[in-house]
Amino acid sequence: MERTVKQTRSLQTNIAATRAEQDNEMYIEGYFAVFNRETELFRGAYEEIAPEAFNDTLSNDIRALINHDTSLVLGRNKAGTLELKVDSRGLWGRIKINPNDTDAVNLYERVKRGDVDQCSFGFNIIEEEVEFREDGTVKWTLKKVDLFEVSVVTFPAYEDTSVQARMKEYEQHKKRQLEQRKHELRERVKYGFKTANAHEKN
């Protein structure tokens, strides 16, 4: 896939609104990505994230956003208001909510009530593996990504550009497979005729 195409991936997992006992600070926390879990992008096409995918990217200047909206910043790792870490399950994050930010507090209350409970992340692909399987399906494994934002989202969904790029790659593979089969069939027919002609001459 084109490495400059911005990607977003969403995760249907529960995030939580918490409040620290010692300082009464408000937080939204949970997993923004989970490793080794196949996600269906479209019929017959799957993707999963390798455990090492985020190893070289957590030192980036990463923002936490609302619905991927760059004008609605909840936190930032460089400012110490966004904490991100990788464990055996996936990419975990905790956003420190600004009590003076109405949008942030409103989102915190929506998460607390359970009205909003899902998340997503935005990135570029640095390295990936693709497996075209015998059953006709395809699986991409993200091996290394360049992370630039995580988001708390109302409706988790892939961007059209992300899915379209995957579909184009998948269709190109199918086209190459078809052309290969046509070539093999032509070769069999050609050599079949040659064999038949040889038998007739004998």
N, C-alpha and C. Protein backbone atom coordinates (compact mmCIF):
# COMPACT_ATOMS: atom_id res chain seq x y z
N MET A 1 0.83 -1.19 0.00
CA MET A 1 0.00 0.00 0.00
C MET A 1 0.87 1.25 0.00
N GLU A 2 0.35 2.31 -0.60
CA GLU A 2 1.08 3.58 -0.65
C GLU A 2 1.34 4.08 0.77
N ARG A 3 2.62 4.32 1.07
CA ARG A 3 3.01 4.65 2.44
C ARG A 3 2.58 6.05 2.87
N THR A 4 2.24 6.91 1.91
CA THR A 4 1.86 8.27 2.27
C THR A 4 0.36 8.42 2.49
N VAL A 5 -0.40 7.35 2.28
CA VAL A 5 -1.84 7.40 2.49
C VAL A 5 -2.14 7.32 3.98
N LYS A 6 -2.82 8.33 4.49
CA LYS A 6 -3.19 8.32 5.90
C LYS A 6 -4.18 7.20 6.16
N GLN A 7 -3.91 6.42 7.21
CA GLN A 7 -4.75 5.30 7.57
C GLN A 7 -5.44 5.57 8.90
N THR A 8 -6.65 5.06 9.05
CA THR A 8 -7.28 5.02 10.37
C THR A 8 -7.84 3.61 10.57
N ARG A 9 -7.74 3.13 11.78
CA ARG A 9 -8.30 1.85 12.14
C ARG A 9 -9.08 2.03 13.44
N SER A 10 -10.23 1.41 13.51
CA SER A 10 -11.08 1.54 14.69
C SER A 10 -11.17 0.23 15.43
N LEU A 11 -11.43 0.34 16.70
CA LEU A 11 -11.47 -0.84 17.56
C LEU A 11 -12.77 -0.81 18.37
N GLN A 12 -13.52 -1.88 18.27
CA GLN A 12 -14.74 -1.99 19.05
C GLN A 12 -14.39 -2.64 20.39
N THR A 13 -13.95 -1.81 21.28
CA THR A 13 -13.57 -2.26 22.62
C THR A 13 -14.04 -1.22 23.61
N ASN A 14 -14.12 -1.60 24.85
CA ASN A 14 -14.61 -0.66 25.85
C ASN A 14 -13.48 0.23 26.36
N ILE A 15 -13.73 1.52 26.34
CA ILE A 15 -12.86 2.45 27.05
C ILE A 15 -13.63 2.93 28.27
N ALA A 16 -12.92 3.50 29.21
CA ALA A 16 -13.55 3.84 30.48
C ALA A 16 -13.21 5.26 30.91
N ALA A 17 -14.15 5.88 31.62
CA ALA A 17 -13.91 7.16 32.26
C ALA A 17 -13.58 6.87 33.71
N THR A 18 -12.40 7.31 34.14
CA THR A 18 -11.96 7.02 35.51
C THR A 18 -11.60 8.33 36.22
N ARG A 19 -11.53 8.25 37.52
CA ARG A 19 -11.13 9.42 38.32
C ARG A 19 -10.12 8.95 39.35
N ALA A 20 -8.96 9.60 39.36
CA ALA A 20 -7.88 9.20 40.27
C ALA A 20 -8.25 9.57 41.71
N GLU A 21 -7.99 8.64 42.62
CA GLU A 21 -8.34 8.87 44.03
C GLU A 21 -7.47 9.94 44.67
N GLN A 22 -6.17 9.94 44.30
CA GLN A 22 -5.25 10.82 45.00
C GLN A 22 -5.42 12.30 44.64
N ASP A 23 -5.73 12.58 43.37
CA ASP A 23 -5.82 13.99 42.97
C ASP A 23 -7.15 14.34 42.31
N ASN A 24 -8.08 13.35 42.22
CA ASN A 24 -9.40 13.56 41.65
C ASN A 24 -9.37 13.96 40.18
N GLU A 25 -8.25 13.69 39.50
CA GLU A 25 -8.16 14.00 38.07
C GLU A 25 -9.04 13.04 37.27
N MET A 26 -9.57 13.55 36.15
CA MET A 26 -10.42 12.74 35.27
C MET A 26 -9.57 12.16 34.12
N TYR A 27 -9.84 10.90 33.79
CA TYR A 27 -9.12 10.24 32.71
C TYR A 27 -10.08 9.43 31.84
N ILE A 28 -9.72 9.33 30.57
CA ILE A 28 -10.34 8.35 29.68
C ILE A 28 -9.23 7.38 29.30
N GLU A 29 -9.47 6.09 29.48
CA GLU A 29 -8.41 5.12 29.21
C GLU A 29 -8.96 3.84 28.60
N GLY A 30 -8.06 3.14 27.92
CA GLY A 30 -8.44 1.87 27.30
C GLY A 30 -7.47 1.51 26.19
N TYR A 31 -7.79 0.47 25.45
CA TYR A 31 -6.93 0.01 24.36
C TYR A 31 -7.35 0.65 23.05
N PHE A 32 -6.39 1.28 22.39
CA PHE A 32 -6.64 1.88 21.08
C PHE A 32 -6.32 0.92 19.94
N ALA A 33 -5.58 -0.14 20.23
CA ALA A 33 -5.28 -1.17 19.24
C ALA A 33 -5.03 -2.47 19.99
N VAL A 34 -5.43 -3.59 19.38
CA VAL A 34 -5.23 -4.91 19.96
C VAL A 34 -4.44 -5.77 18.97
N PHE A 35 -3.46 -6.48 19.48
CA PHE A 35 -2.59 -7.29 18.63
C PHE A 35 -3.23 -8.63 18.27
N ASN A 36 -2.76 -9.17 17.14
CA ASN A 36 -3.08 -10.54 16.73
C ASN A 36 -4.58 -10.83 16.67
N ARG A 37 -5.34 -9.84 16.30
CA ARG A 37 -6.78 -10.02 16.14
C ARG A 37 -7.15 -9.66 14.70
N GLU A 38 -7.68 -10.63 13.96
CA GLU A 38 -8.07 -10.36 12.58
C GLU A 38 -9.33 -9.48 12.55
N THR A 39 -9.24 -8.40 11.78
CA THR A 39 -10.39 -7.53 11.55
C THR A 39 -10.77 -7.62 10.09
N GLU A 40 -12.05 -7.77 9.81
CA GLU A 40 -12.51 -7.86 8.42
C GLU A 40 -12.69 -6.46 7.86
N LEU A 41 -11.91 -6.12 6.83
CA LEU A 41 -12.02 -4.82 6.18
C LEU A 41 -13.21 -4.80 5.22
N PHE A 42 -13.32 -5.84 4.45
CA PHE A 42 -14.46 -6.09 3.58
C PHE A 42 -14.48 -7.59 3.32
N ARG A 43 -15.48 -8.08 2.62
CA ARG A 43 -15.63 -9.53 2.50
C ARG A 43 -14.39 -10.17 1.86
N GLY A 44 -13.81 -11.12 2.59
CA GLY A 44 -12.63 -11.83 2.09
C GLY A 44 -11.31 -11.14 2.35
N ALA A 45 -11.33 -9.99 3.01
CA ALA A 45 -10.09 -9.24 3.26
C ALA A 45 -9.97 -8.92 4.75
N TYR A 46 -8.82 -9.27 5.32
CA TYR A 46 -8.61 -9.14 6.76
C TYR A 46 -7.30 -8.43 7.05
N GLU A 47 -7.23 -7.91 8.26
CA GLU A 47 -6.01 -7.22 8.68
C GLU A 47 -5.80 -7.47 10.17
N GLU A 48 -4.54 -7.57 10.57
CA GLU A 48 -4.24 -7.64 11.99
C GLU A 48 -2.96 -6.88 12.28
N ILE A 49 -2.77 -6.56 13.55
CA ILE A 49 -1.62 -5.76 13.97
C ILE A 49 -0.63 -6.66 14.70
N ALA A 50 0.61 -6.64 14.28
CA ALA A 50 1.66 -7.43 14.93
C ALA A 50 2.07 -6.75 16.24
N PRO A 51 2.52 -7.54 17.22
CA PRO A 51 2.90 -6.97 18.53
C PRO A 51 4.02 -5.94 18.46
N GLU A 52 4.84 -6.01 17.42
CA GLU A 52 5.96 -5.06 17.32
C GLU A 52 5.62 -3.79 16.53
N ALA A 53 4.38 -3.65 16.10
CA ALA A 53 4.02 -2.57 15.18
C ALA A 53 4.30 -1.17 15.73
N PHE A 54 4.16 -0.97 17.03
CA PHE A 54 4.29 0.37 17.63
C PHE A 54 5.64 0.60 18.31
N ASN A 55 6.54 -0.33 18.18
CA ASN A 55 7.79 -0.27 18.95
C ASN A 55 8.59 1.01 18.71
N ASP A 56 8.60 1.51 17.49
CA ASP A 56 9.46 2.65 17.15
C ASP A 56 8.70 3.96 16.99
N THR A 57 7.45 4.02 17.45
CA THR A 57 6.64 5.19 17.13
C THR A 57 6.10 5.95 18.33
N LEU A 58 6.22 5.38 19.53
CA LEU A 58 5.60 6.02 20.70
C LEU A 58 6.32 7.28 21.15
N SER A 59 7.51 7.53 20.61
CA SER A 59 8.22 8.78 20.91
C SER A 59 7.79 9.91 19.97
N ASN A 60 6.90 9.60 19.02
CA ASN A 60 6.35 10.64 18.13
C ASN A 60 5.58 11.68 18.94
N ASP A 61 5.29 12.81 18.31
CA ASP A 61 4.43 13.83 18.90
C ASP A 61 2.99 13.43 18.57
N ILE A 62 2.33 12.72 19.50
CA ILE A 62 1.03 12.10 19.25
C ILE A 62 -0.06 12.85 20.01
N ARG A 63 -1.16 13.10 19.33
CA ARG A 63 -2.32 13.77 19.94
C ARG A 63 -3.44 12.77 20.19
N ALA A 64 -4.25 13.06 21.19
CA ALA A 64 -5.51 12.36 21.40
C ALA A 64 -6.62 13.31 20.95
N LEU A 65 -7.50 12.81 20.08
CA LEU A 65 -8.53 13.65 19.46
C LEU A 65 -9.92 13.09 19.72
N ILE A 66 -10.92 13.91 19.42
CA ILE A 66 -12.30 13.47 19.40
C ILE A 66 -12.70 13.24 17.94
N ASN A 67 -13.05 12.00 17.61
CA ASN A 67 -13.50 11.66 16.25
C ASN A 67 -12.52 12.10 15.16
N HIS A 68 -11.24 11.99 15.44
CA HIS A 68 -10.17 12.34 14.48
C HIS A 68 -10.18 13.82 14.08
N ASP A 69 -10.87 14.64 14.83
CA ASP A 69 -10.97 16.07 14.52
C ASP A 69 -9.77 16.80 15.14
N THR A 70 -8.90 17.33 14.29
CA THR A 70 -7.67 17.97 14.79
C THR A 70 -7.94 19.27 15.55
N SER A 71 -9.16 19.78 15.47
CA SER A 71 -9.50 20.98 16.25
C SER A 71 -10.00 20.63 17.65
N LEU A 72 -10.18 19.33 17.91
CA LEU A 72 -10.66 18.89 19.23
C LEU A 72 -9.61 17.99 19.88
N VAL A 73 -8.59 18.64 20.44
CA VAL A 73 -7.47 17.93 21.04
C VAL A 73 -7.75 17.67 22.52
N LEU A 74 -7.73 16.40 22.89
CA LEU A 74 -7.95 16.00 24.28
C LEU A 74 -6.66 15.95 25.08
N GLY A 75 -5.58 15.56 24.42
CA GLY A 75 -4.31 15.42 25.11
C GLY A 75 -3.17 15.25 24.13
N ARG A 76 -1.95 15.26 24.65
CA ARG A 76 -0.76 15.17 23.80
C ARG A 76 0.36 14.56 24.62
N ASN A 77 1.04 13.57 24.06
CA ASN A 77 2.07 12.90 24.86
C ASN A 77 3.23 13.84 25.21
N LYS A 78 3.57 14.77 24.32
CA LYS A 78 4.67 15.69 24.61
C LYS A 78 4.33 16.63 25.77
N ALA A 79 3.03 16.84 26.00
CA ALA A 79 2.60 17.72 27.10
C ALA A 79 2.34 16.95 28.38
N GLY A 80 2.47 15.61 28.31
CA GLY A 80 2.23 14.79 29.49
C GLY A 80 0.76 14.55 29.78
N THR A 81 -0.12 14.92 28.85
CA THR A 81 -1.56 14.73 29.06
C THR A 81 -2.10 13.50 28.33
N LEU A 82 -1.22 12.81 27.62
CA LEU A 82 -1.56 11.56 26.96
C LEU A 82 -0.46 10.54 27.28
N GLU A 83 -0.85 9.43 27.87
CA GLU A 83 0.09 8.35 28.16
C GLU A 83 -0.21 7.17 27.25
N LEU A 84 0.81 6.66 26.59
CA LEU A 84 0.66 5.51 25.71
C LEU A 84 1.71 4.47 26.06
N LYS A 85 1.30 3.21 26.06
CA LYS A 85 2.26 2.13 26.28
C LYS A 85 1.75 0.86 25.61
N VAL A 86 2.70 -0.01 25.31
CA VAL A 86 2.39 -1.29 24.68
C VAL A 86 2.56 -2.40 25.70
N ASP A 87 1.59 -3.30 25.75
CA ASP A 87 1.74 -4.51 26.56
C ASP A 87 1.42 -5.72 25.70
N SER A 88 1.23 -6.87 26.30
CA SER A 88 1.02 -8.09 25.52
C SER A 88 -0.30 -8.08 24.76
N ARG A 89 -1.22 -7.29 25.21
CA ARG A 89 -2.54 -7.24 24.54
C ARG A 89 -2.57 -6.26 23.38
N GLY A 90 -1.98 -5.08 23.58
CA GLY A 90 -2.06 -4.08 22.52
C GLY A 90 -1.52 -2.72 22.95
N LEU A 91 -2.02 -1.68 22.28
CA LEU A 91 -1.64 -0.30 22.58
C LEU A 91 -2.66 0.30 23.54
N TRP A 92 -2.20 0.55 24.77
CA TRP A 92 -3.06 1.11 25.81
C TRP A 92 -2.77 2.60 25.95
N GLY A 93 -3.83 3.37 26.21
CA GLY A 93 -3.64 4.79 26.38
C GLY A 93 -4.50 5.36 27.50
N ARG A 94 -4.02 6.45 28.06
CA ARG A 94 -4.80 7.18 29.08
C ARG A 94 -4.70 8.67 28.81
N ILE A 95 -5.85 9.31 28.71
CA ILE A 95 -5.93 10.74 28.40
C ILE A 95 -6.35 11.48 29.67
N LYS A 96 -5.56 12.49 30.04
CA LYS A 96 -5.90 13.32 31.19
C LYS A 96 -6.83 14.44 30.73
N ILE A 97 -8.02 14.47 31.28
CA ILE A 97 -9.05 15.41 30.84
C ILE A 97 -8.85 16.79 31.48
N ASN A 98 -8.90 17.80 30.65
CA ASN A 98 -8.80 19.19 31.12
C ASN A 98 -10.16 19.63 31.65
N PRO A 99 -10.27 19.90 32.95
CA PRO A 99 -11.58 20.27 33.52
C PRO A 99 -12.11 21.61 33.01
N ASN A 100 -11.23 22.41 32.39
CA ASN A 100 -11.66 23.70 31.84
C ASN A 100 -12.05 23.62 30.36
N ASP A 101 -11.95 22.43 29.79
CA ASP A 101 -12.29 22.22 28.38
C ASP A 101 -13.67 21.57 28.32
N THR A 102 -14.65 22.33 27.87
CA THR A 102 -16.04 21.85 27.87
C THR A 102 -16.20 20.61 26.99
N ASP A 103 -15.56 20.61 25.81
CA ASP A 103 -15.66 19.45 24.91
C ASP A 103 -15.11 18.20 25.57
N ALA A 104 -13.97 18.36 26.25
CA ALA A 104 -13.32 17.21 26.90
C ALA A 104 -14.17 16.69 28.05
N VAL A 105 -14.70 17.58 28.86
CA VAL A 105 -15.53 17.16 30.00
C VAL A 105 -16.82 16.51 29.52
N ASN A 106 -17.42 17.09 28.48
CA ASN A 106 -18.64 16.50 27.93
C ASN A 106 -18.37 15.08 27.41
N LEU A 107 -17.23 14.90 26.74
CA LEU A 107 -16.88 13.56 26.24
C LEU A 107 -16.66 12.61 27.41
N TYR A 108 -15.96 13.08 28.44
CA TYR A 108 -15.74 12.27 29.64
C TYR A 108 -17.07 11.77 30.20
N GLU A 109 -18.05 12.66 30.29
CA GLU A 109 -19.35 12.28 30.83
C GLU A 109 -20.07 11.30 29.92
N ARG A 110 -19.89 11.43 28.61
CA ARG A 110 -20.52 10.48 27.68
C ARG A 110 -19.88 9.10 27.79
N VAL A 111 -18.58 9.09 27.97
CA VAL A 111 -17.89 7.80 28.18
C VAL A 111 -18.32 7.19 29.51
N LYS A 112 -18.42 8.01 30.52
CA LYS A 112 -18.82 7.55 31.85
C LYS A 112 -20.20 6.90 31.83
N ARG A 113 -21.11 7.49 31.04
CA ARG A 113 -22.48 6.96 30.94
C ARG A 113 -22.58 5.75 30.01
N GLY A 114 -21.53 5.54 29.21
CA GLY A 114 -21.56 4.43 28.26
C GLY A 114 -22.10 4.81 26.89
N ASP A 115 -22.37 6.10 26.67
CA ASP A 115 -22.87 6.54 25.37
C ASP A 115 -21.78 6.47 24.30
N VAL A 116 -20.54 6.69 24.70
CA VAL A 116 -19.38 6.58 23.82
C VAL A 116 -18.41 5.61 24.47
N ASP A 117 -17.99 4.58 23.72
CA ASP A 117 -17.12 3.59 24.36
C ASP A 117 -16.12 2.96 23.39
N GLN A 118 -15.85 3.63 22.28
CA GLN A 118 -14.97 3.04 21.29
C GLN A 118 -13.89 4.02 20.85
N CYS A 119 -12.88 3.48 20.19
CA CYS A 119 -11.71 4.29 19.89
C CYS A 119 -11.08 3.90 18.56
N SER A 120 -10.09 4.67 18.17
CA SER A 120 -9.48 4.52 16.86
C SER A 120 -8.08 5.11 16.91
N PHE A 121 -7.29 4.86 15.86
CA PHE A 121 -5.97 5.50 15.79
C PHE A 121 -5.63 5.82 14.34
N GLY A 122 -4.82 6.85 14.17
CA GLY A 122 -4.41 7.30 12.84
C GLY A 122 -2.91 7.12 12.67
N PHE A 123 -2.50 6.68 11.48
CA PHE A 123 -1.10 6.29 11.28
C PHE A 123 -0.77 6.20 9.80
N ASN A 124 0.50 6.03 9.52
CA ASN A 124 0.98 5.64 8.19
C ASN A 124 1.63 4.26 8.30
N ILE A 125 1.52 3.48 7.25
CA ILE A 125 2.13 2.15 7.23
C ILE A 125 3.59 2.27 6.82
N ILE A 126 4.48 1.70 7.62
CA ILE A 126 5.90 1.66 7.30
C ILE A 126 6.28 0.30 6.72
N GLU A 127 5.77 -0.74 7.36
CA GLU A 127 6.09 -2.11 6.91
C GLU A 127 4.90 -3.01 7.16
N GLU A 128 4.61 -3.87 6.19
CA GLU A 128 3.51 -4.82 6.35
C GLU A 128 3.79 -6.08 5.56
N GLU A 129 3.09 -7.13 5.90
CA GLU A 129 3.14 -8.38 5.15
C GLU A 129 1.75 -8.68 4.61
N VAL A 130 1.71 -9.28 3.44
CA VAL A 130 0.42 -9.65 2.85
C VAL A 130 0.42 -11.14 2.55
N GLU A 131 -0.68 -11.78 2.87
CA GLU A 131 -0.83 -13.23 2.65
C GLU A 131 -2.09 -13.46 1.83
N PHE A 132 -1.91 -13.94 0.60
CA PHE A 132 -3.04 -14.32 -0.23
C PHE A 132 -3.28 -15.81 0.00
N ARG A 133 -4.36 -16.12 0.66
CA ARG A 133 -4.58 -17.48 1.14
C ARG A 133 -5.30 -18.35 0.11
N GLU A 134 -5.16 -19.66 0.29
CA GLU A 134 -5.68 -20.61 -0.69
C GLU A 134 -7.19 -20.55 -0.82
N ASP A 135 -7.87 -20.11 0.22
CA ASP A 135 -9.33 -20.04 0.16
C ASP A 135 -9.84 -18.79 -0.56
N GLY A 136 -8.89 -18.02 -1.12
CA GLY A 136 -9.26 -16.82 -1.87
C GLY A 136 -9.29 -15.55 -1.04
N THR A 137 -9.09 -15.66 0.28
CA THR A 137 -9.07 -14.48 1.13
C THR A 137 -7.65 -13.91 1.21
N VAL A 138 -7.56 -12.71 1.73
CA VAL A 138 -6.26 -12.05 1.87
C VAL A 138 -6.15 -11.48 3.28
N LYS A 139 -4.93 -11.51 3.83
CA LYS A 139 -4.71 -10.91 5.14
C LYS A 139 -3.46 -10.06 5.10
N TRP A 140 -3.61 -8.82 5.58
CA TRP A 140 -2.47 -7.93 5.75
C TRP A 140 -2.09 -7.91 7.23
N THR A 141 -0.80 -7.96 7.52
CA THR A 141 -0.32 -7.84 8.88
C THR A 141 0.53 -6.58 8.99
N LEU A 142 0.11 -5.64 9.82
CA LEU A 142 0.86 -4.41 10.02
C LEU A 142 2.05 -4.71 10.93
N LYS A 143 3.25 -4.58 10.39
CA LYS A 143 4.47 -4.91 11.13
C LYS A 143 5.11 -3.67 11.78
N LYS A 144 4.96 -2.54 11.12
CA LYS A 144 5.56 -1.30 11.64
C LYS A 144 4.75 -0.12 11.14
N VAL A 145 4.33 0.74 12.06
CA VAL A 145 3.52 1.90 11.69
C VAL A 145 4.11 3.17 12.28
N ASP A 146 3.70 4.28 11.71
CA ASP A 146 4.07 5.61 12.18
C ASP A 146 2.80 6.24 12.76
N LEU A 147 2.68 6.24 14.08
CA LEU A 147 1.47 6.68 14.76
C LEU A 147 1.49 8.19 14.97
N PHE A 148 0.36 8.85 14.67
CA PHE A 148 0.32 10.29 14.93
C PHE A 148 -0.89 10.74 15.72
N GLU A 149 -1.90 9.90 15.87
CA GLU A 149 -3.02 10.28 16.73
C GLU A 149 -3.84 9.07 17.16
N VAL A 150 -4.48 9.23 18.31
CA VAL A 150 -5.49 8.28 18.77
C VAL A 150 -6.76 9.08 19.00
N SER A 151 -7.90 8.43 18.84
CA SER A 151 -9.17 9.14 18.96
C SER A 151 -10.19 8.34 19.75
N VAL A 152 -10.99 9.06 20.49
CA VAL A 152 -12.21 8.50 21.07
C VAL A 152 -13.31 8.80 20.04
N VAL A 153 -14.04 7.77 19.62
CA VAL A 153 -14.95 7.95 18.49
C VAL A 153 -16.37 7.51 18.83
N THR A 154 -17.31 8.18 18.19
CA THR A 154 -18.73 7.85 18.36
C THR A 154 -19.09 6.63 17.53
N PHE A 155 -18.64 6.64 16.26
CA PHE A 155 -18.90 5.52 15.36
C PHE A 155 -17.56 5.05 14.78
N PRO A 156 -17.04 3.92 15.24
CA PRO A 156 -15.78 3.43 14.69
C PRO A 156 -15.96 2.97 13.25
N ALA A 157 -15.13 3.48 12.37
CA ALA A 157 -15.22 3.11 10.95
C ALA A 157 -13.90 3.41 10.27
N TYR A 158 -13.60 2.66 9.23
CA TYR A 158 -12.42 2.93 8.44
C TYR A 158 -12.72 4.04 7.45
N GLU A 159 -11.73 4.87 7.21
CA GLU A 159 -11.89 5.89 6.19
C GLU A 159 -12.04 5.24 4.82
N ASP A 160 -12.85 5.86 3.97
CA ASP A 160 -13.05 5.32 2.62
C ASP A 160 -11.73 5.15 1.88
N THR A 161 -10.81 6.11 2.05
CA THR A 161 -9.54 6.03 1.34
C THR A 161 -8.74 4.80 1.75
N SER A 162 -8.81 4.45 3.04
CA SER A 162 -8.09 3.27 3.53
C SER A 162 -8.64 2.00 2.91
N VAL A 163 -9.97 1.88 2.93
CA VAL A 163 -10.60 0.67 2.39
C VAL A 163 -10.42 0.60 0.88
N GLN A 164 -10.56 1.73 0.21
CA GLN A 164 -10.40 1.76 -1.25
C GLN A 164 -9.00 1.33 -1.66
N ALA A 165 -8.00 1.77 -0.92
CA ALA A 165 -6.62 1.39 -1.24
C ALA A 165 -6.44 -0.12 -1.07
N ARG A 166 -7.00 -0.67 -0.01
CA ARG A 166 -6.92 -2.12 0.21
C ARG A 166 -7.66 -2.87 -0.90
N MET A 167 -8.84 -2.38 -1.26
CA MET A 167 -9.63 -3.04 -2.30
C MET A 167 -8.90 -3.02 -3.64
N LYS A 168 -8.25 -1.90 -3.94
CA LYS A 168 -7.50 -1.79 -5.19
C LYS A 168 -6.36 -2.82 -5.22
N GLU A 169 -5.65 -2.94 -4.10
CA GLU A 169 -4.55 -3.90 -4.01
C GLU A 169 -5.08 -5.33 -4.19
N TYR A 170 -6.21 -5.62 -3.55
CA TYR A 170 -6.83 -6.94 -3.62
C TYR A 170 -7.28 -7.24 -5.06
N GLU A 171 -7.90 -6.27 -5.71
CA GLU A 171 -8.38 -6.45 -7.08
C GLU A 171 -7.22 -6.65 -8.05
N GLN A 172 -6.12 -5.93 -7.84
CA GLN A 172 -4.95 -6.10 -8.69
C GLN A 172 -4.39 -7.52 -8.57
N HIS A 173 -4.38 -8.05 -7.34
CA HIS A 173 -3.92 -9.42 -7.14
C HIS A 173 -4.84 -10.40 -7.86
N LYS A 174 -6.17 -10.20 -7.73
CA LYS A 174 -7.12 -11.08 -8.40
C LYS A 174 -6.94 -11.03 -9.92
N LYS A 175 -6.68 -9.85 -10.44
CA LYS A 175 -6.46 -9.70 -11.88
C LYS A 175 -5.20 -10.45 -12.32
N ARG A 176 -4.12 -10.33 -11.51
CA ARG A 176 -2.89 -11.06 -11.83
C ARG A 176 -3.12 -12.56 -11.79
N GLN A 177 -3.91 -13.02 -10.79
CA GLN A 177 -4.23 -14.44 -10.70
C GLN A 177 -4.98 -14.92 -11.94
N LEU A 178 -5.95 -14.12 -12.39
CA LEU A 178 -6.75 -14.47 -13.56
C LEU A 178 -5.87 -14.54 -14.80
N GLU A 179 -4.99 -13.56 -14.96
CA GLU A 179 -4.10 -13.55 -16.12
C GLU A 179 -3.17 -14.76 -16.09
N GLN A 180 -2.71 -15.13 -14.91
CA GLN A 180 -1.84 -16.31 -14.78
C GLN A 180 -2.58 -17.58 -15.16
N ARG A 181 -3.84 -17.69 -14.72
CA ARG A 181 -4.64 -18.87 -15.06
C ARG A 181 -4.89 -18.94 -16.57
N LYS A 182 -5.18 -17.80 -17.17
CA LYS A 182 -5.40 -17.75 -18.63
C LYS A 182 -4.14 -18.19 -19.37
N HIS A 183 -2.99 -17.71 -18.90
CA HIS A 183 -1.72 -18.06 -19.53
C HIS A 183 -1.47 -19.57 -19.41
N GLU A 184 -1.71 -20.11 -18.21
CA GLU A 184 -1.50 -21.54 -18.00
C GLU A 184 -2.44 -22.37 -18.88
N LEU A 185 -3.68 -21.91 -19.02
CA LEU A 185 -4.65 -22.62 -19.86
C LEU A 185 -4.22 -22.60 -21.32
N ARG A 186 -3.75 -21.43 -21.79
CA ARG A 186 -3.29 -21.33 -23.18
C ARG A 186 -2.11 -22.26 -23.42
N GLU A 187 -1.20 -22.33 -22.43
CA GLU A 187 -0.04 -23.21 -22.57
C GLU A 187 -0.47 -24.68 -22.63
N ARG A 188 -1.43 -25.05 -21.79
CA ARG A 188 -1.91 -26.43 -21.80
C ARG A 188 -2.57 -26.79 -23.12
N VAL A 189 -3.38 -25.85 -23.63
CA VAL A 189 -4.05 -26.08 -24.91
C VAL A 189 -3.02 -26.21 -26.02
N LYS A 190 -2.05 -25.30 -26.04
CA LYS A 190 -1.03 -25.31 -27.09
C LYS A 190 -0.23 -26.61 -27.07
N TYR A 191 0.25 -26.98 -25.87
CA TYR A 191 1.05 -28.20 -25.79
C TYR A 191 0.19 -29.45 -25.96
N GLY A 192 -1.09 -29.33 -25.63
CA GLY A 192 -2.00 -30.45 -25.87
C GLY A 192 -2.15 -30.73 -27.34
N PHE A 193 -2.28 -29.66 -28.14
CA PHE A 193 -2.38 -29.82 -29.59
C PHE A 193 -1.10 -30.42 -30.16
N LYS A 194 0.03 -29.95 -29.64
CA LYS A 194 1.32 -30.48 -30.13
C LYS A 194 1.43 -31.98 -29.85
N THR A 195 1.00 -32.38 -28.65
CA THR A 195 1.06 -33.80 -28.29
C THR A 195 0.13 -34.62 -29.17
N ALA A 196 -1.06 -34.10 -29.42
CA ALA A 196 -2.02 -34.80 -30.28
C ALA A 196 -1.49 -34.95 -31.69
N ASN A 197 -0.89 -33.88 -32.22
CA ASN A 197 -0.31 -33.92 -33.57
C ASN A 197 0.83 -34.94 -33.66
N ALA A 198 1.61 -35.00 -32.61
CA ALA A 198 2.73 -35.95 -32.59
C ALA A 198 2.23 -37.38 -32.62
N HIS A 199 1.15 -37.66 -31.92
CA HIS A 199 0.58 -38.99 -31.90
C HIS A 199 0.01 -39.35 -33.27
N GLU A 200 -0.60 -38.36 -33.95
CA GLU A 200 -1.18 -38.62 -35.28
C GLU A 200 -0.08 -38.96 -36.29
N LYS A 201 1.04 -38.27 -36.20
CA LYS A 201 2.15 -38.52 -37.15
C LYS A 201 2.74 -39.90 -36.94
N ASN A 202 2.73 -40.34 -35.69
CA ASN A 202 3.27 -41.65 -35.39
C ASN A 202 2.30 -42.76 -35.83
